Amino acid sequence: MSGLDGGSGLMSGLRAETVNNGFLNDVGVVASGAGAAAGVPFAGMLQMMVQQTSALDQKASQAVTGLLNGSGVEIHDAMIATQKADMAFELALQVRNKAVGAYQQMMGMQF
């Protein structure tokens, strides 16, 4: 790891293309190439995160339904889909909590 030297710190890696890599690609919601290259505003990132969280929840629901119906879904696939949806929801909840906390802190400032 290069740490914070050379401008390659933790925050410089948080772009739309980084968010779309990993387990969120399973959802099928991927940002366009132009939006990822130009950078996505904060509101766009929140909207994309909500869409991805919703898609993961739907995928987990389908997997559990398929498991209960006996339509060939393995239990480990259903559990993995459920855990992915849970992790995405927890991340969205924490981002919301931080945004609300920042807003409340700014509203408490005196000018």
PDB file of N, CA and C in Angstrom:
ATOM      1  N   MET A   1       0.839  -1.170   0.000  1.00  0.00           N
ATOM      2  CA  MET A   1       0.000   0.000   0.000  1.00  0.00           C
ATOM      3  C   MET A   1       0.885   1.234   0.000  1.00  0.00           C
ATOM      4  N   SER A   2       0.458   2.232  -0.748  1.00  0.00           N
ATOM      5  CA  SER A   2       1.268   3.423  -0.868  1.00  0.00           C
ATOM      6  C   SER A   2       0.926   4.466   0.171  1.00  0.00           C
ATOM      7  N   GLY A   3      -0.160   4.313   0.927  1.00  0.00           N
ATOM      8  CA  GLY A   3      -0.502   5.270   1.960  1.00  0.00           C
ATOM      9  C   GLY A   3      -1.007   6.563   1.371  1.00  0.00           C
ATOM     10  N   LEU A   4      -0.525   7.687   1.955  1.00  0.00           N
ATOM     11  CA  LEU A   4      -0.995   8.993   1.519  1.00  0.00           C
ATOM     12  C   LEU A   4      -0.005   9.694   0.601  1.00  0.00           C
ATOM     13  N   ASP A   5       1.084   9.075   0.257  1.00  0.00           N
ATOM     14  CA  ASP A   5       2.079   9.735  -0.578  1.00  0.00           C
ATOM     15  C   ASP A   5       1.668   9.733  -2.038  1.00  0.00           C
ATOM     16  N   GLY A   6       2.038  10.787  -2.741  1.00  0.00           N
ATOM     17  CA  GLY A   6       1.799  10.846  -4.171  1.00  0.00           C
ATOM     18  C   GLY A   6       0.335  11.033  -4.543  1.00  0.00           C
ATOM     19  N   GLY A   7      -0.500  11.509  -3.631  1.00  0.00           N
ATOM     20  CA  GLY A   7      -1.899  11.752  -3.941  1.00  0.00           C
ATOM     21  C   GLY A   7      -2.708  10.485  -4.151  1.00  0.00           C
ATOM     22  N   SER A   8      -2.205   9.353  -3.713  1.00  0.00           N
ATOM     23  CA  SER A   8      -2.943   8.101  -3.899  1.00  0.00           C
ATOM     24  C   SER A   8      -3.497   7.614  -2.573  1.00  0.00           C
ATOM     25  N   GLY A   9      -4.011   8.552  -1.767  1.00  0.00           N
ATOM     26  CA  GLY A   9      -4.544   8.197  -0.467  1.00  0.00           C
ATOM     27  C   GLY A   9      -5.897   7.527  -0.564  1.00  0.00           C
ATOM     28  N   LEU A  10      -6.494   7.336   0.572  1.00  0.00           N
ATOM     29  CA  LEU A  10      -7.765   6.636   0.652  1.00  0.00           C
ATOM     30  C   LEU A  10      -8.864   7.395  -0.075  1.00  0.00           C
ATOM     31  N   MET A  11      -8.956   8.689   0.134  1.00  0.00           N
ATOM     32  CA  MET A  11     -10.050   9.458  -0.447  1.00  0.00           C
ATOM     33  C   MET A  11      -9.911   9.615  -1.956  1.00  0.00           C
ATOM     34  N   SER A  12      -8.698   9.590  -2.502  1.00  0.00           N
ATOM     35  CA  SER A  12      -8.554   9.742  -3.946  1.00  0.00           C
ATOM     36  C   SER A  12      -9.050   8.511  -4.687  1.00  0.00           C
ATOM     37  N   GLY A  13      -9.199   7.400  -4.009  1.00  0.00           N
ATOM     38  CA  GLY A  13      -9.676   6.181  -4.656  1.00  0.00           C
ATOM     39  C   GLY A  13     -11.192   6.044  -4.652  1.00  0.00           C
ATOM     40  N   LEU A  14     -11.903   6.990  -4.026  1.00  0.00           N
ATOM     41  CA  LEU A  14     -13.350   6.897  -3.946  1.00  0.00           C
ATOM     42  C   LEU A  14     -13.987   7.598  -5.136  1.00  0.00           C
ATOM     43  N   ARG A  15     -14.076   6.896  -6.236  1.00  0.00           N
ATOM     44  CA  ARG A  15     -14.738   7.401  -7.430  1.00  0.00           C
ATOM     45  C   ARG A  15     -15.809   6.408  -7.812  1.00  0.00           C
ATOM     46  N   ALA A  16     -16.652   6.786  -8.757  1.00  0.00           N
ATOM     47  CA  ALA A  16     -17.769   5.925  -9.155  1.00  0.00           C
ATOM     48  C   ALA A  16     -17.279   4.583  -9.678  1.00  0.00           C
ATOM     49  N   GLU A  17     -16.156   4.587 -10.390  1.00  0.00           N
ATOM     50  CA  GLU A  17     -15.671   3.320 -10.931  1.00  0.00           C
ATOM     51  C   GLU A  17     -15.194   2.396  -9.825  1.00  0.00           C
ATOM     52  N   THR A  18     -14.666   2.964  -8.714  1.00  0.00           N
ATOM     53  CA  THR A  18     -14.245   2.151  -7.591  1.00  0.00           C
ATOM     54  C   THR A  18     -15.451   1.549  -6.892  1.00  0.00           C
ATOM     55  N   VAL A  19     -16.514   2.325  -6.756  1.00  0.00           N
ATOM     56  CA  VAL A  19     -17.718   1.843  -6.088  1.00  0.00           C
ATOM     57  C   VAL A  19     -18.352   0.714  -6.879  1.00  0.00           C
ATOM     58  N   ASN A  20     -18.264   0.772  -8.200  1.00  0.00           N
ATOM     59  CA  ASN A  20     -18.910  -0.236  -9.028  1.00  0.00           C
ATOM     60  C   ASN A  20     -18.139  -1.546  -9.077  1.00  0.00           C
ATOM     61  N   ASN A  21     -16.890  -1.553  -8.655  1.00  0.00           N
ATOM     62  CA  ASN A  21     -16.130  -2.798  -8.634  1.00  0.00           C
ATOM     63  C   ASN A  21     -16.515  -3.602  -7.407  1.00  0.00           C
ATOM     64  N   GLY A  22     -16.254  -4.882  -7.419  1.00  0.00           N
ATOM     65  CA  GLY A  22     -16.549  -5.709  -6.260  1.00  0.00           C
ATOM     66  C   GLY A  22     -17.928  -6.315  -6.334  1.00  0.00           C
ATOM     67  N   PHE A  23     -18.513  -6.554  -5.161  1.00  0.00           N
ATOM     68  CA  PHE A  23     -19.788  -7.277  -5.153  1.00  0.00           C
ATOM     69  C   PHE A  23     -20.938  -6.461  -5.703  1.00  0.00           C
ATOM     70  N   LEU A  24     -20.796  -5.140  -5.845  1.00  0.00           N
ATOM     71  CA  LEU A  24     -21.881  -4.339  -6.400  1.00  0.00           C
ATOM     72  C   LEU A  24     -22.059  -4.594  -7.890  1.00  0.00           C
ATOM     73  N   ASN A  25     -21.053  -5.163  -8.561  1.00  0.00           N
ATOM     74  CA  ASN A  25     -21.208  -5.525  -9.964  1.00  0.00           C
ATOM     75  C   ASN A  25     -22.219  -6.642 -10.138  1.00  0.00           C
ATOM     76  N   ASP A  26     -22.462  -7.430  -9.094  1.00  0.00           N
ATOM     77  CA  ASP A  26     -23.446  -8.503  -9.170  1.00  0.00           C
ATOM     78  C   ASP A  26     -24.841  -7.964  -9.424  1.00  0.00           C
ATOM     79  N   VAL A  27     -25.062  -6.715  -9.063  1.00  0.00           N
ATOM     80  CA  VAL A  27     -26.381  -6.117  -9.177  1.00  0.00           C
ATOM     81  C   VAL A  27     -26.733  -5.850 -10.627  1.00  0.00           C
ATOM     82  N   GLY A  28     -25.752  -5.476 -11.420  1.00  0.00           N
ATOM     83  CA  GLY A  28     -26.022  -5.117 -12.801  1.00  0.00           C
ATOM     84  C   GLY A  28     -26.250  -3.630 -12.970  1.00  0.00           C
ATOM     85  N   VAL A  29     -26.103  -2.848 -11.893  1.00  0.00           N
ATOM     86  CA  VAL A  29     -26.229  -1.397 -11.963  1.00  0.00           C
ATOM     87  C   VAL A  29     -24.823  -0.838 -12.023  1.00  0.00           C
ATOM     88  N   VAL A  30     -24.423  -0.379 -13.196  1.00  0.00           N
ATOM     89  CA  VAL A  30     -23.073   0.127 -13.383  1.00  0.00           C
ATOM     90  C   VAL A  30     -23.167   1.518 -13.975  1.00  0.00           C
ATOM     91  N   ALA A  31     -22.348   2.430 -13.471  1.00  0.00           N
ATOM     92  CA  ALA A  31     -22.348   3.798 -13.988  1.00  0.00           C
ATOM     93  C   ALA A  31     -21.832   3.819 -15.413  1.00  0.00           C
ATOM     94  N   SER A  32     -22.281   4.805 -16.158  1.00  0.00           N
ATOM     95  CA  SER A  32     -21.813   4.938 -17.537  1.00  0.00           C
ATOM     96  C   SER A  32     -20.344   5.315 -17.544  1.00  0.00           C
ATOM     97  N   GLY A  33     -19.674   5.028 -18.624  1.00  0.00           N
ATOM     98  CA  GLY A  33     -18.250   5.328 -18.731  1.00  0.00           C
ATOM     99  C   GLY A  33     -17.959   6.806 -18.635  1.00  0.00           C
ATOM    100  N   ALA A  34     -18.814   7.652 -19.233  1.00  0.00           N
ATOM    101  CA  ALA A  34     -18.601   9.091 -19.193  1.00  0.00           C
ATOM    102  C   ALA A  34     -18.783   9.625 -17.778  1.00  0.00           C
ATOM    103  N   GLY A  35     -19.788   9.140 -17.058  1.00  0.00           N
ATOM    104  CA  GLY A  35     -20.019   9.600 -15.692  1.00  0.00           C
ATOM    105  C   GLY A  35     -18.905   9.171 -14.763  1.00  0.00           C
ATOM    106  N   ALA A  36     -18.357   8.001 -14.971  1.00  0.00           N
ATOM    107  CA  ALA A  36     -17.295   7.510 -14.110  1.00  0.00           C
ATOM    108  C   ALA A  36     -16.005   8.268 -14.372  1.00  0.00           C
ATOM    109  N   ALA A  37     -15.750   8.631 -15.619  1.00  0.00           N
ATOM    110  CA  ALA A  37     -14.513   9.330 -15.941  1.00  0.00           C
ATOM    111  C   ALA A  37     -14.552  10.771 -15.458  1.00  0.00           C
ATOM    112  N   ALA A  38     -15.700  11.421 -15.556  1.00  0.00           N
ATOM    113  CA  ALA A  38     -15.814  12.823 -15.180  1.00  0.00           C
ATOM    114  C   ALA A  38     -15.987  12.997 -13.680  1.00  0.00           C
ATOM    115  N   GLY A  39     -16.309  11.967 -12.977  1.00  0.00           N
ATOM    116  CA  GLY A  39     -16.582  12.059 -11.552  1.00  0.00           C
ATOM    117  C   GLY A  39     -18.056  12.301 -11.332  1.00  0.00           C
ATOM    118  N   VAL A  40     -18.603  11.701 -10.309  1.00  0.00           N
ATOM    119  CA  VAL A  40     -20.023  11.797 -10.036  1.00  0.00           C
ATOM    120  C   VAL A  40     -20.197  12.688  -8.821  1.00  0.00           C
ATOM    121  N   PRO A  41     -21.140  13.646  -8.864  1.00  0.00           N
ATOM    122  CA  PRO A  41     -21.372  14.471  -7.678  1.00  0.00           C
ATOM    123  C   PRO A  41     -21.921  13.631  -6.528  1.00  0.00           C
ATOM    124  N   PHE A  42     -21.877  14.209  -5.335  1.00  0.00           N
ATOM    125  CA  PHE A  42     -22.282  13.477  -4.139  1.00  0.00           C
ATOM    126  C   PHE A  42     -23.718  12.988  -4.243  1.00  0.00           C
ATOM    127  N   ALA A  43     -24.614  13.818  -4.746  1.00  0.00           N
ATOM    128  CA  ALA A  43     -26.015  13.409  -4.885  1.00  0.00           C
ATOM    129  C   ALA A  43     -26.136  12.227  -5.842  1.00  0.00           C
ATOM    130  N   GLY A  44     -25.343  12.221  -6.905  1.00  0.00           N
ATOM    131  CA  GLY A  44     -25.353  11.109  -7.848  1.00  0.00           C
ATOM    132  C   GLY A  44     -24.837   9.833  -7.215  1.00  0.00           C
ATOM    133  N   MET A  45     -23.822   9.963  -6.383  1.00  0.00           N
ATOM    134  CA  MET A  45     -23.295   8.790  -5.685  1.00  0.00           C
ATOM    135  C   MET A  45     -24.335   8.223  -4.716  1.00  0.00           C
ATOM    136  N   LEU A  46     -25.051   9.108  -4.022  1.00  0.00           N
ATOM    137  CA  LEU A  46     -26.097   8.633  -3.117  1.00  0.00           C
ATOM    138  C   LEU A  46     -27.213   7.939  -3.886  1.00  0.00           C
ATOM    139  N   GLN A  47     -27.614   8.531  -4.994  1.00  0.00           N
ATOM    140  CA  GLN A  47     -28.668   7.932  -5.801  1.00  0.00           C
ATOM    141  C   GLN A  47     -28.230   6.569  -6.335  1.00  0.00           C
ATOM    142  N   MET A  48     -26.992   6.484  -6.800  1.00  0.00           N
ATOM    143  CA  MET A  48     -26.471   5.223  -7.312  1.00  0.00           C
ATOM    144  C   MET A  48     -26.401   4.175  -6.192  1.00  0.00           C
ATOM    145  N   MET A  49     -26.019   4.608  -4.983  1.00  0.00           N
ATOM    146  CA  MET A  49     -25.928   3.680  -3.866  1.00  0.00           C
ATOM    147  C   MET A  49     -27.313   3.149  -3.496  1.00  0.00           C
ATOM    148  N   VAL A  50     -28.322   4.012  -3.521  1.00  0.00           N
ATOM    149  CA  VAL A  50     -29.680   3.577  -3.203  1.00  0.00           C
ATOM    150  C   VAL A  50     -30.175   2.590  -4.260  1.00  0.00           C
ATOM    151  N   GLN A  51     -29.887   2.860  -5.529  1.00  0.00           N
ATOM    152  CA  GLN A  51     -30.295   1.944  -6.596  1.00  0.00           C
ATOM    153  C   GLN A  51     -29.618   0.588  -6.443  1.00  0.00           C
ATOM    154  N   GLN A  52     -28.333   0.592  -6.133  1.00  0.00           N
ATOM    155  CA  GLN A  52     -27.601  -0.660  -5.976  1.00  0.00           C
ATOM    156  C   GLN A  52     -28.089  -1.429  -4.762  1.00  0.00           C
ATOM    157  N   THR A  53     -28.389  -0.715  -3.677  1.00  0.00           N
ATOM    158  CA  THR A  53     -28.908  -1.365  -2.477  1.00  0.00           C
ATOM    159  C   THR A  53     -30.263  -1.998  -2.753  1.00  0.00           C
ATOM    160  N   SER A  54     -31.106  -1.271  -3.465  1.00  0.00           N
ATOM    161  CA  SER A  54     -32.423  -1.805  -3.817  1.00  0.00           C
ATOM    162  C   SER A  54     -32.303  -3.038  -4.713  1.00  0.00           C
ATOM    163  N   ALA A  55     -31.400  -2.979  -5.683  1.00  0.00           N
ATOM    164  CA  ALA A  55     -31.219  -4.119  -6.583  1.00  0.00           C
ATOM    165  C   ALA A  55     -30.684  -5.340  -5.831  1.00  0.00           C
ATOM    166  N   LEU A  56     -29.754  -5.127  -4.896  1.00  0.00           N
ATOM    167  CA  LEU A  56     -29.243  -6.240  -4.095  1.00  0.00           C
ATOM    168  C   LEU A  56     -30.346  -6.832  -3.224  1.00  0.00           C
ATOM    169  N   ASP A  57     -31.209  -5.970  -2.694  1.00  0.00           N
ATOM    170  CA  ASP A  57     -32.332  -6.463  -1.882  1.00  0.00           C
ATOM    171  C   ASP A  57     -33.286  -7.303  -2.723  1.00  0.00           C
ATOM    172  N   GLN A  58     -33.566  -6.856  -3.937  1.00  0.00           N
ATOM    173  CA  GLN A  58     -34.443  -7.626  -4.821  1.00  0.00           C
ATOM    174  C   GLN A  58     -33.819  -8.966  -5.195  1.00  0.00           C
ATOM    175  N   LYS A  59     -32.512  -8.956  -5.443  1.00  0.00           N
ATOM    176  CA  LYS A  59     -31.818 -10.195  -5.795  1.00  0.00           C
ATOM    177  C   LYS A  59     -31.842 -11.176  -4.621  1.00  0.00           C
ATOM    178  N   ALA A  60     -31.652 -10.658  -3.397  1.00  0.00           N
ATOM    179  CA  ALA A  60     -31.695 -11.516  -2.214  1.00  0.00           C
ATOM    180  C   ALA A  60     -33.098 -12.071  -2.005  1.00  0.00           C
ATOM    181  N   SER A  61     -34.099 -11.238  -2.224  1.00  0.00           N
ATOM    182  CA  SER A  61     -35.480 -11.688  -2.078  1.00  0.00           C
ATOM    183  C   SER A  61     -35.809 -12.789  -3.089  1.00  0.00           C
ATOM    184  N   GLN A  62     -35.342 -12.616  -4.313  1.00  0.00           N
ATOM    185  CA  GLN A  62     -35.571 -13.640  -5.337  1.00  0.00           C
ATOM    186  C   GLN A  62     -34.855 -14.941  -4.979  1.00  0.00           C
ATOM    187  N   ALA A  63     -33.645 -14.827  -4.436  1.00  0.00           N
ATOM    188  CA  ALA A  63     -32.892 -16.027  -4.072  1.00  0.00           C
ATOM    189  C   ALA A  63     -33.579 -16.777  -2.941  1.00  0.00           C
ATOM    190  N   VAL A  64     -34.061 -16.048  -1.940  1.00  0.00           N
ATOM    191  CA  VAL A  64     -34.745 -16.700  -0.817  1.00  0.00           C
ATOM    192  C   VAL A  64     -36.054 -17.319  -1.285  1.00  0.00           C
ATOM    193  N   THR A  65     -36.787 -16.609  -2.141  1.00  0.00           N
ATOM    194  CA  THR A  65     -38.030 -17.159  -2.681  1.00  0.00           C
ATOM    195  C   THR A  65     -37.759 -18.417  -3.496  1.00  0.00           C
ATOM    196  N   GLY A  66     -36.704 -18.384  -4.303  1.00  0.00           N
ATOM    197  CA  GLY A  66     -36.332 -19.558  -5.084  1.00  0.00           C
ATOM    198  C   GLY A  66     -35.931 -20.729  -4.208  1.00  0.00           C
ATOM    199  N   LEU A  67     -35.255 -20.432  -3.105  1.00  0.00           N
ATOM    200  CA  LEU A  67     -34.865 -21.485  -2.164  1.00  0.00           C
ATOM    201  C   LEU A  67     -36.101 -22.104  -1.513  1.00  0.00           C
ATOM    202  N   LEU A  68     -37.037 -21.270  -1.098  1.00  0.00           N
ATOM    203  CA  LEU A  68     -38.235 -21.779  -0.442  1.00  0.00           C
ATOM    204  C   LEU A  68     -39.155 -22.534  -1.399  1.00  0.00           C
ATOM    205  N   ASN A  69     -39.166 -22.124  -2.658  1.00  0.00           N
ATOM    206  CA  ASN A  69     -39.999 -22.806  -3.655  1.00  0.00           C
ATOM    207  C   ASN A  69     -39.355 -24.089  -4.158  1.00  0.00           C
ATOM    208  N   GLY A  70     -38.071 -24.263  -3.891  1.00  0.00           N
ATOM    209  CA  GLY A  70     -37.376 -25.449  -4.372  1.00  0.00           C
ATOM    210  C   GLY A  70     -37.068 -25.382  -5.857  1.00  0.00           C
ATOM    211  N   SER A  71     -36.808 -24.183  -6.354  1.00  0.00           N
ATOM    212  CA  SER A  71     -36.569 -24.022  -7.791  1.00  0.00           C
ATOM    213  C   SER A  71     -35.089 -24.065  -8.149  1.00  0.00           C
ATOM    214  N   GLY A  72     -34.303 -24.780  -7.389  1.00  0.00           N
ATOM    215  CA  GLY A  72     -32.904 -25.009  -7.751  1.00  0.00           C
ATOM    216  C   GLY A  72     -31.917 -24.008  -7.196  1.00  0.00           C
ATOM    217  N   VAL A  73     -32.313 -23.151  -6.285  1.00  0.00           N
ATOM    218  CA  VAL A  73     -31.397 -22.197  -5.671  1.00  0.00           C
ATOM    219  C   VAL A  73     -30.738 -22.869  -4.482  1.00  0.00           C
ATOM    220  N   GLU A  74     -29.432 -22.843  -4.446  1.00  0.00           N
ATOM    221  CA  GLU A  74     -28.686 -23.442  -3.335  1.00  0.00           C
ATOM    222  C   GLU A  74     -28.772 -22.538  -2.113  1.00  0.00           C
ATOM    223  N   ILE A  75     -28.675 -23.133  -0.941  1.00  0.00           N
ATOM    224  CA  ILE A  75     -28.800 -22.364   0.300  1.00  0.00           C
ATOM    225  C   ILE A  75     -27.636 -21.384   0.455  1.00  0.00           C
ATOM    226  N   HIS A  76     -26.441 -21.777   0.029  1.00  0.00           N
ATOM    227  CA  HIS A  76     -25.308 -20.867   0.171  1.00  0.00           C
ATOM    228  C   HIS A  76     -25.449 -19.662  -0.755  1.00  0.00           C
ATOM    229  N   ASP A  77     -26.052 -19.830  -1.924  1.00  0.00           N
ATOM    230  CA  ASP A  77     -26.285 -18.695  -2.818  1.00  0.00           C
ATOM    231  C   ASP A  77     -27.290 -17.718  -2.202  1.00  0.00           C
ATOM    232  N   ALA A  78     -28.325 -18.259  -1.581  1.00  0.00           N
ATOM    233  CA  ALA A  78     -29.315 -17.406  -0.929  1.00  0.00           C
ATOM    234  C   ALA A  78     -28.697 -16.667   0.255  1.00  0.00           C
ATOM    235  N   MET A  79     -27.860 -17.352   1.023  1.00  0.00           N
ATOM    236  CA  MET A  79     -27.214 -16.713   2.172  1.00  0.00           C
ATOM    237  C   MET A  79     -26.244 -15.625   1.734  1.00  0.00           C
ATOM    238  N   ILE A  80     -25.488 -15.876   0.678  1.00  0.00           N
ATOM    239  CA  ILE A  80     -24.549 -14.874   0.171  1.00  0.00           C
ATOM    240  C   ILE A  80     -25.308 -13.648  -0.328  1.00  0.00           C
ATOM    241  N   ALA A  81     -26.377 -13.854  -1.072  1.00  0.00           N
ATOM    242  CA  ALA A  81     -27.176 -12.740  -1.578  1.00  0.00           C
ATOM    243  C   ALA A  81     -27.780 -11.938  -0.425  1.00  0.00           C
ATOM    244  N   THR A  82     -28.228 -12.640   0.606  1.00  0.00           N
ATOM    245  CA  THR A  82     -28.806 -11.967   1.773  1.00  0.00           C
ATOM    246  C   THR A  82     -27.754 -11.150   2.508  1.00  0.00           C
ATOM    247  N   GLN A  83     -26.563 -11.698   2.671  1.00  0.00           N
ATOM    248  CA  GLN A  83     -25.491 -10.966   3.355  1.00  0.00           C
ATOM    249  C   GLN A  83     -25.036  -9.756   2.555  1.00  0.00           C
ATOM    250  N   LYS A  84     -24.972  -9.878   1.234  1.00  0.00           N
ATOM    251  CA  LYS A  84     -24.609  -8.733   0.387  1.00  0.00           C
ATOM    252  C   LYS A  84     -25.629  -7.620   0.533  1.00  0.00           C
ATOM    253  N   ALA A  85     -26.908  -7.980   0.529  1.00  0.00           N
ATOM    254  CA  ALA A  85     -27.963  -6.980   0.685  1.00  0.00           C
ATOM    255  C   ALA A  85     -27.888  -6.328   2.065  1.00  0.00           C
ATOM    256  N   ASP A  86     -27.605  -7.126   3.089  1.00  0.00           N
ATOM    257  CA  ASP A  86     -27.491  -6.601   4.442  1.00  0.00           C
ATOM    258  C   ASP A  86     -26.317  -5.638   4.564  1.00  0.00           C
ATOM    259  N   MET A  87     -25.184  -6.006   3.997  1.00  0.00           N
ATOM    260  CA  MET A  87     -24.006  -5.133   4.058  1.00  0.00           C
ATOM    261  C   MET A  87     -24.243  -3.829   3.302  1.00  0.00           C
ATOM    262  N   ALA A  88     -24.887  -3.905   2.144  1.00  0.00           N
ATOM    263  CA  ALA A  88     -25.176  -2.701   1.366  1.00  0.00           C
ATOM    264  C   ALA A  88     -26.135  -1.790   2.129  1.00  0.00           C
ATOM    265  N   PHE A  89     -27.139  -2.378   2.788  1.00  0.00           N
ATOM    266  CA  PHE A  89     -28.083  -1.585   3.576  1.00  0.00           C
ATOM    267  C   PHE A  89     -27.381  -0.927   4.757  1.00  0.00           C
ATOM    268  N   GLU A  90     -26.528  -1.665   5.442  1.00  0.00           N
ATOM    269  CA  GLU A  90     -25.799  -1.101   6.583  1.00  0.00           C
ATOM    270  C   GLU A  90     -24.901   0.049   6.136  1.00  0.00           C
ATOM    271  N   LEU A  91     -24.252  -0.091   4.976  1.00  0.00           N
ATOM    272  CA  LEU A  91     -23.415   0.990   4.448  1.00  0.00           C
ATOM    273  C   LEU A  91     -24.267   2.213   4.140  1.00  0.00           C
ATOM    274  N   ALA A  92     -25.406   2.020   3.483  1.00  0.00           N
ATOM    275  CA  ALA A  92     -26.284   3.142   3.157  1.00  0.00           C
ATOM    276  C   ALA A  92     -26.785   3.825   4.425  1.00  0.00           C
ATOM    277  N   LEU A  93     -27.106   3.042   5.444  1.00  0.00           N
ATOM    278  CA  LEU A  93     -27.568   3.597   6.706  1.00  0.00           C
ATOM    279  C   LEU A  93     -26.486   4.432   7.372  1.00  0.00           C
ATOM    280  N   GLN A  94     -25.252   3.948   7.372  1.00  0.00           N
ATOM    281  CA  GLN A  94     -24.154   4.697   7.982  1.00  0.00           C
ATOM    282  C   GLN A  94     -23.844   5.977   7.217  1.00  0.00           C
ATOM    283  N   VAL A  95     -23.910   5.932   5.887  1.00  0.00           N
ATOM    284  CA  VAL A  95     -23.686   7.140   5.091  1.00  0.00           C
ATOM    285  C   VAL A  95     -24.779   8.159   5.395  1.00  0.00           C
ATOM    286  N   ARG A  96     -26.018   7.689   5.491  1.00  0.00           N
ATOM    287  CA  ARG A  96     -27.119   8.597   5.829  1.00  0.00           C
ATOM    288  C   ARG A  96     -26.915   9.211   7.204  1.00  0.00           C
ATOM    289  N   ASN A  97     -26.520   8.406   8.179  1.00  0.00           N
ATOM    290  CA  ASN A  97     -26.295   8.916   9.526  1.00  0.00           C
ATOM    291  C   ASN A  97     -25.192   9.969   9.544  1.00  0.00           C
ATOM    292  N   LYS A  98     -24.124   9.732   8.805  1.00  0.00           N
ATOM    293  CA  LYS A  98     -23.035  10.706   8.750  1.00  0.00           C
ATOM    294  C   LYS A  98     -23.479  11.992   8.067  1.00  0.00           C
ATOM    295  N   ALA A  99     -24.265  11.881   7.002  1.00  0.00           N
ATOM    296  CA  ALA A  99     -24.742  13.067   6.290  1.00  0.00           C
ATOM    297  C   ALA A  99     -25.689  13.881   7.173  1.00  0.00           C
ATOM    298  N   VAL A 100     -26.581  13.214   7.889  1.00  0.00           N
ATOM    299  CA  VAL A 100     -27.501  13.914   8.790  1.00  0.00           C
ATOM    300  C   VAL A 100     -26.718  14.570   9.921  1.00  0.00           C
ATOM    301  N   GLY A 101     -25.727  13.884  10.459  1.00  0.00           N
ATOM    302  CA  GLY A 101     -24.899  14.455  11.517  1.00  0.00           C
ATOM    303  C   GLY A 101     -24.133  15.685  11.039  1.00  0.00           C
ATOM    304  N   ALA A 102     -23.594  15.623   9.821  1.00  0.00           N
ATOM    305  CA  ALA A 102     -22.881  16.776   9.266  1.00  0.00           C
ATOM    306  C   ALA A 102     -23.827  17.945   9.052  1.00  0.00           C
ATOM    307  N   TYR A 103     -25.042  17.653   8.558  1.00  0.00           N
ATOM    308  CA  TYR A 103     -26.040  18.702   8.356  1.00  0.00           C
ATOM    309  C   TYR A 103     -26.414  19.353   9.683  1.00  0.00           C
ATOM    310  N   GLN A 104     -26.653  18.544  10.705  1.00  0.00           N
ATOM    311  CA  GLN A 104     -27.018  19.085  12.014  1.00  0.00           C
ATOM    312  C   GLN A 104     -25.887  19.909  12.607  1.00  0.00           C
ATOM    313  N   GLN A 105     -24.656  19.479  12.400  1.00  0.00           N
ATOM    314  CA  GLN A 105     -23.513  20.228  12.902  1.00  0.00           C
ATOM    315  C   GLN A 105     -23.402  21.573  12.190  1.00  0.00           C
ATOM    316  N   MET A 106     -23.625  21.581  10.885  1.00  0.00           N
ATOM    317  CA  MET A 106     -23.569  22.843  10.144  1.00  0.00           C
ATOM    318  C   MET A 106     -24.699  23.778  10.549  1.00  0.00           C
ATOM    319  N   MET A 107     -25.878  23.238  10.807  1.00  0.00           N
ATOM    320  CA  MET A 107     -27.007  24.066  11.222  1.00  0.00           C
ATOM    321  C   MET A 107     -26.789  24.644  12.612  1.00  0.00           C
ATOM    322  N   GLY A 108     -25.978  24.013  13.417  1.00  0.00           N
ATOM    323  CA  GLY A 108     -25.690  24.508  14.752  1.00  0.00           C
ATOM    324  C   GLY A 108     -24.609  25.579  14.789  1.00  0.00           C
ATOM    325  N   MET A 109     -23.934  25.789  13.662  1.00  0.00           N
ATOM    326  CA  MET A 109     -22.878  26.812  13.621  1.00  0.00           C
ATOM    327  C   MET A 109     -23.481  28.209  13.618  1.00  0.00           C
ATOM    328  N   GLN A 110     -22.775  29.132  14.231  1.00  0.00           N
ATOM    329  CA  GLN A 110     -23.211  30.535  14.237  1.00  0.00           C
ATOM    330  C   GLN A 110     -22.281  31.314  13.327  1.00  0.00           C
ATOM    331  N   PHE A 111     -22.876  32.171  12.546  1.00  0.00           N
ATOM    332  CA  PHE A 111     -22.073  32.984  11.628  1.00  0.00           C
ATOM    333  C   PHE A 111     -22.003  34.405  12.088  1.00  0.00           C
TER     334      PHE A 111
END
